[in-house]
Amino acid sequence: MMLASCVRKPLRASSTFVSAFRSFSTQKVQSTSKPASTSQIKPGFSKPIKAIGFPLTPLDDKYARFRQTIEKIVVPSRLLDEHKFPSGPFIADRLFIKVCQRIPQKITQAIDVFKSLSDAIATTGPIKLNIGQLYITPSQQGNEVSDLKSIVRVSLRPTLEQSEQERFDKLFRTITDKLYSDKILANNYIGNSIPSMVCMARFNTAFDITALVELLEQFGTTDISGLIKIGGAVNVDLGNFEINEVILQKLLWSRIVDPASEPLASIKL
C-alpha cells in the first residue's frame, strides 16, 4: 500500500495569504433564507449526464474523516445573483475519475461498445493510488482571485507510482480510442490524461477559510501558499485508494447520482 511522502512542518503562509484570510474573516457572508426552486436552476445543470469513469475504492478511512470535517466548515451562500442552485453543496460520497462524459442518447449502442472493451481491459488488474493534491476553483477576474468567499469547487488529484501511472494511462487511452473509433465520442483525447475528481461543489459556496487551513494541516499540508493561486494546489494525504472497475453511470454535477445504485454497465479490472 502506498504512503504519502509528506513531512510535517510548520505552515508557511505568505503575507498576501494571511491578509486574504483576515479579509475573509471580517467580511459578512450573504445567505438566503430559503433554497432555490428547481425552476431557478439554469438549464443543463440539473439534468444527469451519462459518463464513463473509475469509481475509487478507499483502502483506509482518511477521506471519510476529511469528508465529515469539511461538511461542518462549508458555509452555503448566494454571492452571485445570476447563479441559482439548490442551497446545499454536495460532498462526494464516492470519488469518481471521469474518463468521458455526455455519452449520446443512443445509450444501447454506447453500452454495447463499452462492453466490447471487456477482453482488452479486464486483465489490467486493480490500480492503486493516493490522493495527494487538493485545489480550489475560486471566483476570479482575469488571472486574479476576485473573492476568496466565492469558491466554485474543491477538487482532488491522485498521486501514482510510475508503474501504476503507466497502467492508468494505457487503460485510459484504450477506452477513449475505442469510444472515438466507434463514434461514441465526438473528440478523441490526445496524450496522457491528468486524472482529477470533484470532492465538493456548488456555485456561490463560501468557506470558513481558517478552518479549511487547519483541516488541511491535519492531513499533511505543509505549505498553503498554492491554495489561492489560479491553477495552484496544495499537497495533502487523503488516503490510499484502488481502481478496480470501469463503469458507465449517471452523474449530476460531477458526482454519481446514487452511489448505491447499480451502474448502467461495468467491467471489473
Foldseek 3Di string as FASTA:
>chain_A
DDDDPFDADAEDADPVRVVQLVVQVPDDFAADPAAFDPVLADPPQFDWWKFKWFWKAFPDCLLVVLQVQQQVFWDFGCPDVSHHDTRDKDFFPIWIWTLDIRFDPVVVVVQVLQVVCQVVCLPLAKAKWWFWKKEWAADDDDQARPHQFFTFFIKIFIDHDPVSQVSVQVNSQSVQVSCVVVVRDPDGDDDGDGIMTTRIGDGSIGGSVVSVVVSQSVFRWRYCHQHRGVVGITTGTSHMIMGFKMATAIDRPRHGPDPVDDGPDMHTD
